[in-house]
Amino acid sequence: LGQIYFDLRLPDYMSDLTVLIKTPG
């Protein structure tokens, strides 16, 4: 269950990275 939690957190970080990279400044 802990492994699943950490695995499924990765897409959320990917979304945050995408927003950060695409957002100017």
mmCIF file of all heavy atoms, coordinates in Angstrom:
data_MODEL
# 
_entry.id   MODEL 
# 
loop_
_atom_site.group_PDB 
_atom_site.id 
_atom_site.type_symbol 
_atom_site.label_atom_id 
_atom_site.label_alt_id 
_atom_site.label_comp_id 
_atom_site.label_asym_id 
_atom_site.label_entity_id 
_atom_site.label_seq_id 
_atom_site.pdbx_PDB_ins_code 
_atom_site.Cartn_x 
_atom_site.Cartn_y 
_atom_site.Cartn_z 
_atom_site.occupancy 
_atom_site.B_iso_or_equiv 
_atom_site.pdbx_formal_charge 
_atom_site.auth_seq_id 
_atom_site.auth_comp_id 
_atom_site.auth_asym_id 
_atom_site.auth_atom_id 
_atom_site.pdbx_PDB_model_num 
ATOM 1   N N   . LEU A 1 1  ? 0.838  -1.212 0.000   1.00 0.00 ? 1  LEU A N   1 
ATOM 2   C CA  . LEU A 1 1  ? 0.000  0.000  0.000   1.00 0.00 ? 1  LEU A CA  1 
ATOM 3   C C   . LEU A 1 1  ? 0.869  1.256  0.000   1.00 0.00 ? 1  LEU A C   1 
ATOM 4   O O   . LEU A 1 1  ? 0.564  2.233  -0.701  1.00 0.00 ? 1  LEU A O   1 
ATOM 5   C CB  . LEU A 1 1  ? -0.921 -0.014 1.219   1.00 0.00 ? 1  LEU A CB  1 
ATOM 6   C CG  . LEU A 1 1  ? -2.009 -1.095 1.244   1.00 0.00 ? 1  LEU A CG  1 
ATOM 7   C CD1 . LEU A 1 1  ? -2.796 -1.034 2.550   1.00 0.00 ? 1  LEU A CD1 1 
ATOM 8   C CD2 . LEU A 1 1  ? -2.949 -0.937 0.061   1.00 0.00 ? 1  LEU A CD2 1 
ATOM 9   N N   . GLY A 1 2  ? 1.946  1.253  0.791   1.00 0.00 ? 2  GLY A N   1 
ATOM 10  C CA  . GLY A 1 2  ? 2.860  2.387  0.779   1.00 0.00 ? 2  GLY A CA  1 
ATOM 11  C C   . GLY A 1 2  ? 3.524  2.567  -0.573  1.00 0.00 ? 2  GLY A C   1 
ATOM 12  O O   . GLY A 1 2  ? 3.687  3.699  -1.059  1.00 0.00 ? 2  GLY A O   1 
ATOM 13  N N   . GLN A 1 3  ? 3.878  1.454  -1.202  1.00 0.00 ? 3  GLN A N   1 
ATOM 14  C CA  . GLN A 1 3  ? 4.490  1.515  -2.532  1.00 0.00 ? 3  GLN A CA  1 
ATOM 15  C C   . GLN A 1 3  ? 3.530  2.117  -3.548  1.00 0.00 ? 3  GLN A C   1 
ATOM 16  O O   . GLN A 1 3  ? 3.916  2.947  -4.384  1.00 0.00 ? 3  GLN A O   1 
ATOM 17  C CB  . GLN A 1 3  ? 4.907  0.107  -2.954  1.00 0.00 ? 3  GLN A CB  1 
ATOM 18  C CG  . GLN A 1 3  ? 5.673  0.053  -4.264  1.00 0.00 ? 3  GLN A CG  1 
ATOM 19  C CD  . GLN A 1 3  ? 5.994  -1.380 -4.651  1.00 0.00 ? 3  GLN A CD  1 
ATOM 20  O OE1 . GLN A 1 3  ? 5.780  -2.301 -3.878  1.00 0.00 ? 3  GLN A OE1 1 
ATOM 21  N NE2 . GLN A 1 3  ? 6.496  -1.561 -5.862  1.00 0.00 ? 3  GLN A NE2 1 
ATOM 22  N N   . ILE A 1 4  ? 2.269  1.727  -3.474  1.00 0.00 ? 4  ILE A N   1 
ATOM 23  C CA  . ILE A 1 4  ? 1.259  2.269  -4.388  1.00 0.00 ? 4  ILE A CA  1 
ATOM 24  C C   . ILE A 1 4  ? 1.099  3.779  -4.179  1.00 0.00 ? 4  ILE A C   1 
ATOM 25  O O   . ILE A 1 4  ? 0.999  4.552  -5.145  1.00 0.00 ? 4  ILE A O   1 
ATOM 26  C CB  . ILE A 1 4  ? -0.087 1.552  -4.179  1.00 0.00 ? 4  ILE A CB  1 
ATOM 27  C CG1 . ILE A 1 4  ? 0.018  0.083  -4.588  1.00 0.00 ? 4  ILE A CG1 1 
ATOM 28  C CG2 . ILE A 1 4  ? -1.194 2.224  -4.996  1.00 0.00 ? 4  ILE A CG2 1 
ATOM 29  C CD1 . ILE A 1 4  ? -1.212 -0.736 -4.228  1.00 0.00 ? 4  ILE A CD1 1 
ATOM 30  N N   . TYR A 1 5  ? 1.115  4.182  -2.915  1.00 0.00 ? 5  TYR A N   1 
ATOM 31  C CA  . TYR A 1 5  ? 0.951  5.613  -2.618  1.00 0.00 ? 5  TYR A CA  1 
ATOM 32  C C   . TYR A 1 5  ? 2.064  6.423  -3.285  1.00 0.00 ? 5  TYR A C   1 
ATOM 33  O O   . TYR A 1 5  ? 1.794  7.445  -3.937  1.00 0.00 ? 5  TYR A O   1 
ATOM 34  C CB  . TYR A 1 5  ? 0.964  5.828  -1.103  1.00 0.00 ? 5  TYR A CB  1 
ATOM 35  C CG  . TYR A 1 5  ? 1.040  7.284  -0.709  1.00 0.00 ? 5  TYR A CG  1 
ATOM 36  C CD1 . TYR A 1 5  ? -0.092 8.102  -0.761  1.00 0.00 ? 5  TYR A CD1 1 
ATOM 37  C CD2 . TYR A 1 5  ? 2.247  7.853  -0.299  1.00 0.00 ? 5  TYR A CD2 1 
ATOM 38  C CE1 . TYR A 1 5  ? -0.018 9.445  -0.415  1.00 0.00 ? 5  TYR A CE1 1 
ATOM 39  C CE2 . TYR A 1 5  ? 2.330  9.183  0.044   1.00 0.00 ? 5  TYR A CE2 1 
ATOM 40  C CZ  . TYR A 1 5  ? 1.197  9.975  -0.011  1.00 0.00 ? 5  TYR A CZ  1 
ATOM 41  O OH  . TYR A 1 5  ? 1.276  11.313 0.331   1.00 0.00 ? 5  TYR A OH  1 
ATOM 42  N N   . PHE A 1 6  ? 3.302  5.986  -3.129  1.00 0.00 ? 6  PHE A N   1 
ATOM 43  C CA  . PHE A 1 6  ? 4.418  6.730  -3.713  1.00 0.00 ? 6  PHE A CA  1 
ATOM 44  C C   . PHE A 1 6  ? 4.393  6.677  -5.242  1.00 0.00 ? 6  PHE A C   1 
ATOM 45  O O   . PHE A 1 6  ? 4.737  7.663  -5.904  1.00 0.00 ? 6  PHE A O   1 
ATOM 46  C CB  . PHE A 1 6  ? 5.745  6.184  -3.183  1.00 0.00 ? 6  PHE A CB  1 
ATOM 47  C CG  . PHE A 1 6  ? 6.012  6.542  -1.746  1.00 0.00 ? 6  PHE A CG  1 
ATOM 48  C CD1 . PHE A 1 6  ? 6.108  5.558  -0.778  1.00 0.00 ? 6  PHE A CD1 1 
ATOM 49  C CD2 . PHE A 1 6  ? 6.161  7.865  -1.366  1.00 0.00 ? 6  PHE A CD2 1 
ATOM 50  C CE1 . PHE A 1 6  ? 6.361  5.883  0.549   1.00 0.00 ? 6  PHE A CE1 1 
ATOM 51  C CE2 . PHE A 1 6  ? 6.403  8.203  -0.041  1.00 0.00 ? 6  PHE A CE2 1 
ATOM 52  C CZ  . PHE A 1 6  ? 6.497  7.206  0.920   1.00 0.00 ? 6  PHE A CZ  1 
ATOM 53  N N   . ASP A 1 7  ? 3.994  5.542  -5.806  1.00 0.00 ? 7  ASP A N   1 
ATOM 54  C CA  . ASP A 1 7  ? 3.925  5.435  -7.267  1.00 0.00 ? 7  ASP A CA  1 
ATOM 55  C C   . ASP A 1 7  ? 2.891  6.392  -7.849  1.00 0.00 ? 7  ASP A C   1 
ATOM 56  O O   . ASP A 1 7  ? 3.121  7.033  -8.891  1.00 0.00 ? 7  ASP A O   1 
ATOM 57  C CB  . ASP A 1 7  ? 3.581  4.001  -7.679  1.00 0.00 ? 7  ASP A CB  1 
ATOM 58  C CG  . ASP A 1 7  ? 4.765  3.060  -7.505  1.00 0.00 ? 7  ASP A CG  1 
ATOM 59  O OD1 . ASP A 1 7  ? 5.902  3.545  -7.399  1.00 0.00 ? 7  ASP A OD1 1 
ATOM 60  O OD2 . ASP A 1 7  ? 4.548  1.823  -7.475  1.00 0.00 ? 7  ASP A OD2 1 
ATOM 61  N N   . LEU A 1 8  ? 1.740  6.482  -7.181  1.00 0.00 ? 8  LEU A N   1 
ATOM 62  C CA  . LEU A 1 8  ? 0.672  7.310  -7.717  1.00 0.00 ? 8  LEU A CA  1 
ATOM 63  C C   . LEU A 1 8  ? 0.846  8.797  -7.386  1.00 0.00 ? 8  LEU A C   1 
ATOM 64  O O   . LEU A 1 8  ? 0.055  9.628  -7.850  1.00 0.00 ? 8  LEU A O   1 
ATOM 65  C CB  . LEU A 1 8  ? -0.684 6.815  -7.191  1.00 0.00 ? 8  LEU A CB  1 
ATOM 66  C CG  . LEU A 1 8  ? -1.103 5.432  -7.695  1.00 0.00 ? 8  LEU A CG  1 
ATOM 67  C CD1 . LEU A 1 8  ? -2.450 5.032  -7.118  1.00 0.00 ? 8  LEU A CD1 1 
ATOM 68  C CD2 . LEU A 1 8  ? -1.163 5.413  -9.222  1.00 0.00 ? 8  LEU A CD2 1 
ATOM 69  N N   . ARG A 1 9  ? 1.844  9.126  -6.610  1.00 0.00 ? 9  ARG A N   1 
ATOM 70  C CA  . ARG A 1 9  ? 2.161  10.535 -6.381  1.00 0.00 ? 9  ARG A CA  1 
ATOM 71  C C   . ARG A 1 9  ? 2.958  11.122 -7.539  1.00 0.00 ? 9  ARG A C   1 
ATOM 72  O O   . ARG A 1 9  ? 2.942  12.336 -7.768  1.00 0.00 ? 9  ARG A O   1 
ATOM 73  C CB  . ARG A 1 9  ? 2.978  10.672 -5.083  1.00 0.00 ? 9  ARG A CB  1 
ATOM 74  C CG  . ARG A 1 9  ? 2.174  10.521 -3.798  1.00 0.00 ? 9  ARG A CG  1 
ATOM 75  C CD  . ARG A 1 9  ? 1.329  11.744 -3.529  1.00 0.00 ? 9  ARG A CD  1 
ATOM 76  N NE  . ARG A 1 9  ? 2.180  12.921 -3.268  1.00 0.00 ? 9  ARG A NE  1 
ATOM 77  C CZ  . ARG A 1 9  ? 1.765  14.171 -3.349  1.00 0.00 ? 9  ARG A CZ  1 
ATOM 78  N NH1 . ARG A 1 9  ? 0.524  14.424 -3.743  1.00 0.00 ? 9  ARG A NH1 1 
ATOM 79  N NH2 . ARG A 1 9  ? 2.594  15.177 -3.079  1.00 0.00 ? 9  ARG A NH2 1 
ATOM 80  N N   . LEU A 1 10 ? 3.642  10.269 -8.293  1.00 0.00 ? 10 LEU A N   1 
ATOM 81  C CA  . LEU A 1 10 ? 4.521  10.752 -9.364  1.00 0.00 ? 10 LEU A CA  1 
ATOM 82  C C   . LEU A 1 10 ? 3.772  11.545 -10.442 1.00 0.00 ? 10 LEU A C   1 
ATOM 83  O O   . LEU A 1 10 ? 4.267  12.591 -10.883 1.00 0.00 ? 10 LEU A O   1 
ATOM 84  C CB  . LEU A 1 10 ? 5.271  9.577  -9.984  1.00 0.00 ? 10 LEU A CB  1 
ATOM 85  C CG  . LEU A 1 10 ? 6.289  8.883  -9.065  1.00 0.00 ? 10 LEU A CG  1 
ATOM 86  C CD1 . LEU A 1 10 ? 6.909  7.688  -9.777  1.00 0.00 ? 10 LEU A CD1 1 
ATOM 87  C CD2 . LEU A 1 10 ? 7.372  9.863  -8.643  1.00 0.00 ? 10 LEU A CD2 1 
ATOM 88  N N   . PRO A 1 11 ? 2.594  11.084 -10.927 1.00 0.00 ? 11 PRO A N   1 
ATOM 89  C CA  . PRO A 1 11 ? 1.903  11.886 -11.953 1.00 0.00 ? 11 PRO A CA  1 
ATOM 90  C C   . PRO A 1 11 ? 1.528  13.288 -11.477 1.00 0.00 ? 11 PRO A C   1 
ATOM 91  O O   . PRO A 1 11 ? 1.539  14.238 -12.281 1.00 0.00 ? 11 PRO A O   1 
ATOM 92  C CB  . PRO A 1 11 ? 0.643  11.052 -12.253 1.00 0.00 ? 11 PRO A CB  1 
ATOM 93  C CG  . PRO A 1 11 ? 1.031  9.650  -11.905 1.00 0.00 ? 11 PRO A CG  1 
ATOM 94  C CD  . PRO A 1 11 ? 1.924  9.783  -10.725 1.00 0.00 ? 11 PRO A CD  1 
ATOM 95  N N   . ASP A 1 12 ? 1.206  13.434 -10.182 1.00 0.00 ? 12 ASP A N   1 
ATOM 96  C CA  . ASP A 1 12 ? 0.892  14.768 -9.669  1.00 0.00 ? 12 ASP A CA  1 
ATOM 97  C C   . ASP A 1 12 ? 2.113  15.681 -9.746  1.00 0.00 ? 12 ASP A C   1 
ATOM 98  O O   . ASP A 1 12 ? 2.013  16.870 -10.098 1.00 0.00 ? 12 ASP A O   1 
ATOM 99  C CB  . ASP A 1 12 ? 0.402  14.675 -8.225  1.00 0.00 ? 12 ASP A CB  1 
ATOM 100 C CG  . ASP A 1 12 ? -0.926 13.945 -8.114  1.00 0.00 ? 12 ASP A CG  1 
ATOM 101 O OD1 . ASP A 1 12 ? -1.704 14.005 -9.094  1.00 0.00 ? 12 ASP A OD1 1 
ATOM 102 O OD2 . ASP A 1 12 ? -1.178 13.304 -7.074  1.00 0.00 ? 12 ASP A OD2 1 
ATOM 103 N N   . TYR A 1 13 ? 3.278  15.132 -9.415  1.00 0.00 ? 13 TYR A N   1 
ATOM 104 C CA  . TYR A 1 13 ? 4.515  15.922 -9.535  1.00 0.00 ? 13 TYR A CA  1 
ATOM 105 C C   . TYR A 1 13 ? 4.808  16.261 -10.998 1.00 0.00 ? 13 TYR A C   1 
ATOM 106 O O   . TYR A 1 13 ? 5.316  17.352 -11.317 1.00 0.00 ? 13 TYR A O   1 
ATOM 107 C CB  . TYR A 1 13 ? 5.690  15.155 -8.934  1.00 0.00 ? 13 TYR A CB  1 
ATOM 108 C CG  . TYR A 1 13 ? 5.678  15.130 -7.423  1.00 0.00 ? 13 TYR A CG  1 
ATOM 109 C CD1 . TYR A 1 13 ? 5.616  13.936 -6.727  1.00 0.00 ? 13 TYR A CD1 1 
ATOM 110 C CD2 . TYR A 1 13 ? 5.747  16.308 -6.684  1.00 0.00 ? 13 TYR A CD2 1 
ATOM 111 C CE1 . TYR A 1 13 ? 5.612  13.905 -5.339  1.00 0.00 ? 13 TYR A CE1 1 
ATOM 112 C CE2 . TYR A 1 13 ? 5.742  16.293 -5.307  1.00 0.00 ? 13 TYR A CE2 1 
ATOM 113 C CZ  . TYR A 1 13 ? 5.675  15.085 -4.629  1.00 0.00 ? 13 TYR A CZ  1 
ATOM 114 O OH  . TYR A 1 13 ? 5.664  15.068 -3.262  1.00 0.00 ? 13 TYR A OH  1 
ATOM 115 N N   . MET A 1 14 ? 4.482  15.316 -11.910 1.00 0.00 ? 14 MET A N   1 
ATOM 116 C CA  . MET A 1 14 ? 4.668  15.580 -13.334 1.00 0.00 ? 14 MET A CA  1 
ATOM 117 C C   . MET A 1 14 ? 3.792  16.743 -13.784 1.00 0.00 ? 14 MET A C   1 
ATOM 118 O O   . MET A 1 14 ? 4.210  17.604 -14.570 1.00 0.00 ? 14 MET A O   1 
ATOM 119 C CB  . MET A 1 14 ? 4.357  14.323 -14.152 1.00 0.00 ? 14 MET A CB  1 
ATOM 120 C CG  . MET A 1 14 ? 5.388  13.209 -14.009 1.00 0.00 ? 14 MET A CG  1 
ATOM 121 S SD  . MET A 1 14 ? 4.937  11.740 -14.947 1.00 0.00 ? 14 MET A SD  1 
ATOM 122 C CE  . MET A 1 14 ? 4.886  12.424 -16.602 1.00 0.00 ? 14 MET A CE  1 
ATOM 123 N N   . SER A 1 15 ? 2.573  16.766 -13.270 1.00 0.00 ? 15 SER A N   1 
ATOM 124 C CA  . SER A 1 15 ? 1.666  17.870 -13.609 1.00 0.00 ? 15 SER A CA  1 
ATOM 125 C C   . SER A 1 15 ? 2.215  19.198 -13.089 1.00 0.00 ? 15 SER A C   1 
ATOM 126 O O   . SER A 1 15 ? 2.197  20.217 -13.803 1.00 0.00 ? 15 SER A O   1 
ATOM 127 C CB  . SER A 1 15 ? 0.280  17.607 -13.019 1.00 0.00 ? 15 SER A CB  1 
ATOM 128 O OG  . SER A 1 15 ? -0.585 18.685 -13.268 1.00 0.00 ? 15 SER A OG  1 
ATOM 129 N N   . ASP A 1 16 ? 2.725  19.173 -11.846 1.00 0.00 ? 16 ASP A N   1 
ATOM 130 C CA  . ASP A 1 16 ? 3.290  20.402 -11.282 1.00 0.00 ? 16 ASP A CA  1 
ATOM 131 C C   . ASP A 1 16 ? 4.505  20.861 -12.087 1.00 0.00 ? 16 ASP A C   1 
ATOM 132 O O   . ASP A 1 16 ? 4.673  22.077 -12.341 1.00 0.00 ? 16 ASP A O   1 
ATOM 133 C CB  . ASP A 1 16 ? 3.693  20.171 -9.824  1.00 0.00 ? 16 ASP A CB  1 
ATOM 134 C CG  . ASP A 1 16 ? 2.497  19.895 -8.924  1.00 0.00 ? 16 ASP A CG  1 
ATOM 135 O OD1 . ASP A 1 16 ? 1.369  20.254 -9.336  1.00 0.00 ? 16 ASP A OD1 1 
ATOM 136 O OD2 . ASP A 1 16 ? 2.675  19.312 -7.839  1.00 0.00 ? 16 ASP A OD2 1 
ATOM 137 N N   . LEU A 1 17 ? 5.360  19.913 -12.498 1.00 0.00 ? 17 LEU A N   1 
ATOM 138 C CA  . LEU A 1 17 ? 6.525  20.272 -13.293 1.00 0.00 ? 17 LEU A CA  1 
ATOM 139 C C   . LEU A 1 17 ? 6.122  20.872 -14.632 1.00 0.00 ? 17 LEU A C   1 
ATOM 140 O O   . LEU A 1 17 ? 6.712  21.857 -15.104 1.00 0.00 ? 17 LEU A O   1 
ATOM 141 C CB  . LEU A 1 17 ? 7.408  19.035 -13.526 1.00 0.00 ? 17 LEU A CB  1 
ATOM 142 C CG  . LEU A 1 17 ? 8.422  18.698 -12.436 1.00 0.00 ? 17 LEU A CG  1 
ATOM 143 C CD1 . LEU A 1 17 ? 9.158  17.414 -12.790 1.00 0.00 ? 17 LEU A CD1 1 
ATOM 144 C CD2 . LEU A 1 17 ? 9.416  19.846 -12.250 1.00 0.00 ? 17 LEU A CD2 1 
ATOM 145 N N   . THR A 1 18 ? 5.103  20.286 -15.243 1.00 0.00 ? 18 THR A N   1 
ATOM 146 C CA  . THR A 1 18 ? 4.629  20.797 -16.538 1.00 0.00 ? 18 THR A CA  1 
ATOM 147 C C   . THR A 1 18 ? 4.152  22.235 -16.411 1.00 0.00 ? 18 THR A C   1 
ATOM 148 O O   . THR A 1 18 ? 4.480  23.105 -17.240 1.00 0.00 ? 18 THR A O   1 
ATOM 149 C CB  . THR A 1 18 ? 3.497  19.902 -17.064 1.00 0.00 ? 18 THR A CB  1 
ATOM 150 O OG1 . THR A 1 18 ? 3.962  18.556 -17.179 1.00 0.00 ? 18 THR A OG1 1 
ATOM 151 C CG2 . THR A 1 18 ? 3.014  20.386 -18.416 1.00 0.00 ? 18 THR A CG2 1 
ATOM 152 N N   . VAL A 1 19 ? 3.377  22.503 -15.360 1.00 0.00 ? 19 VAL A N   1 
ATOM 153 C CA  . VAL A 1 19 ? 2.868  23.854 -15.142 1.00 0.00 ? 19 VAL A CA  1 
ATOM 154 C C   . VAL A 1 19 ? 4.019  24.821 -14.877 1.00 0.00 ? 19 VAL A C   1 
ATOM 155 O O   . VAL A 1 19 ? 4.062  25.953 -15.408 1.00 0.00 ? 19 VAL A O   1 
ATOM 156 C CB  . VAL A 1 19 ? 1.857  23.869 -13.984 1.00 0.00 ? 19 VAL A CB  1 
ATOM 157 C CG1 . VAL A 1 19 ? 1.459  25.316 -13.648 1.00 0.00 ? 19 VAL A CG1 1 
ATOM 158 C CG2 . VAL A 1 19 ? 0.626  23.053 -14.344 1.00 0.00 ? 19 VAL A CG2 1 
ATOM 159 N N   . LEU A 1 20 ? 4.997  24.386 -14.048 1.00 0.00 ? 20 LEU A N   1 
ATOM 160 C CA  . LEU A 1 20 ? 6.126  25.257 -13.725 1.00 0.00 ? 20 LEU A CA  1 
ATOM 161 C C   . LEU A 1 20 ? 6.963  25.576 -14.964 1.00 0.00 ? 20 LEU A C   1 
ATOM 162 O O   . LEU A 1 20 ? 7.399  26.717 -15.170 1.00 0.00 ? 20 LEU A O   1 
ATOM 163 C CB  . LEU A 1 20 ? 7.010  24.604 -12.661 1.00 0.00 ? 20 LEU A CB  1 
ATOM 164 C CG  . LEU A 1 20 ? 6.463  24.573 -11.233 1.00 0.00 ? 20 LEU A CG  1 
ATOM 165 C CD1 . LEU A 1 20 ? 7.340  23.713 -10.341 1.00 0.00 ? 20 LEU A CD1 1 
ATOM 166 C CD2 . LEU A 1 20 ? 6.361  25.992 -10.668 1.00 0.00 ? 20 LEU A CD2 1 
ATOM 167 N N   . ILE A 1 21 ? 7.203  24.560 -15.782 1.00 0.00 ? 21 ILE A N   1 
ATOM 168 C CA  . ILE A 1 21 ? 8.038  24.766 -16.971 1.00 0.00 ? 21 ILE A CA  1 
ATOM 169 C C   . ILE A 1 21 ? 7.333  25.660 -17.987 1.00 0.00 ? 21 ILE A C   1 
ATOM 170 O O   . ILE A 1 21 ? 7.957  26.524 -18.632 1.00 0.00 ? 21 ILE A O   1 
ATOM 171 C CB  . ILE A 1 21 ? 8.413  23.410 -17.600 1.00 0.00 ? 21 ILE A CB  1 
ATOM 172 C CG1 . ILE A 1 21 ? 9.344  22.637 -16.648 1.00 0.00 ? 21 ILE A CG1 1 
ATOM 173 C CG2 . ILE A 1 21 ? 9.090  23.587 -18.955 1.00 0.00 ? 21 ILE A CG2 1 
ATOM 174 C CD1 . ILE A 1 21 ? 9.604  21.217 -17.074 1.00 0.00 ? 21 ILE A CD1 1 
ATOM 175 N N   . LYS A 1 22 ? 6.018  25.478 -18.148 1.00 0.00 ? 22 LYS A N   1 
ATOM 176 C CA  . LYS A 1 22 ? 5.278  26.235 -19.149 1.00 0.00 ? 22 LYS A CA  1 
ATOM 177 C C   . LYS A 1 22 ? 4.914  27.643 -18.686 1.00 0.00 ? 22 LYS A C   1 
ATOM 178 O O   . LYS A 1 22 ? 4.589  28.511 -19.501 1.00 0.00 ? 22 LYS A O   1 
ATOM 179 C CB  . LYS A 1 22 ? 3.990  25.485 -19.528 1.00 0.00 ? 22 LYS A CB  1 
ATOM 180 C CG  . LYS A 1 22 ? 4.225  24.185 -20.278 1.00 0.00 ? 22 LYS A CG  1 
ATOM 181 C CD  . LYS A 1 22 ? 4.760  24.420 -21.674 1.00 0.00 ? 22 LYS A CD  1 
ATOM 182 C CE  . LYS A 1 22 ? 4.896  23.137 -22.467 1.00 0.00 ? 22 LYS A CE  1 
ATOM 183 N NZ  . LYS A 1 22 ? 5.421  23.402 -23.836 1.00 0.00 ? 22 LYS A NZ  1 
ATOM 184 N N   . THR A 1 23 ? 4.964  27.865 -17.378 1.00 0.00 ? 23 THR A N   1 
ATOM 185 C CA  . THR A 1 23 ? 4.577  29.184 -16.852 1.00 0.00 ? 23 THR A CA  1 
ATOM 186 C C   . THR A 1 23 ? 5.783  30.124 -16.855 1.00 0.00 ? 23 THR A C   1 
ATOM 187 O O   . THR A 1 23 ? 6.821  29.813 -16.264 1.00 0.00 ? 23 THR A O   1 
ATOM 188 C CB  . THR A 1 23 ? 4.038  29.059 -15.417 1.00 0.00 ? 23 THR A CB  1 
ATOM 189 O OG1 . THR A 1 23 ? 2.924  28.162 -15.417 1.00 0.00 ? 23 THR A OG1 1 
ATOM 190 C CG2 . THR A 1 23 ? 3.602  30.424 -14.881 1.00 0.00 ? 23 THR A CG2 1 
ATOM 191 N N   . PRO A 1 24 ? 5.664  31.254 -17.545 1.00 0.00 ? 24 PRO A N   1 
ATOM 192 C CA  . PRO A 1 24 ? 6.784  32.218 -17.573 1.00 0.00 ? 24 PRO A CA  1 
ATOM 193 C C   . PRO A 1 24 ? 7.100  32.733 -16.181 1.00 0.00 ? 24 PRO A C   1 
ATOM 194 O O   . PRO A 1 24 ? 6.216  32.980 -15.371 1.00 0.00 ? 24 PRO A O   1 
ATOM 195 C CB  . PRO A 1 24 ? 6.269  33.346 -18.471 1.00 0.00 ? 24 PRO A CB  1 
ATOM 196 C CG  . PRO A 1 24 ? 5.177  32.709 -19.287 1.00 0.00 ? 24 PRO A CG  1 
ATOM 197 C CD  . PRO A 1 24 ? 4.540  31.688 -18.399 1.00 0.00 ? 24 PRO A CD  1 
ATOM 198 N N   . GLY A 1 25 ? 8.386  32.882 -15.906 1.00 0.00 ? 25 GLY A N   1 
ATOM 199 C CA  . GLY A 1 25 ? 8.811  33.460 -14.636 1.00 0.00 ? 25 GLY A CA  1 
ATOM 200 C C   . GLY A 1 25 ? 8.902  32.478 -13.490 1.00 0.00 ? 25 GLY A C   1 
ATOM 201 O O   . GLY A 1 25 ? 9.099  32.900 -12.335 1.00 0.00 ? 25 GLY A O   1 
# 
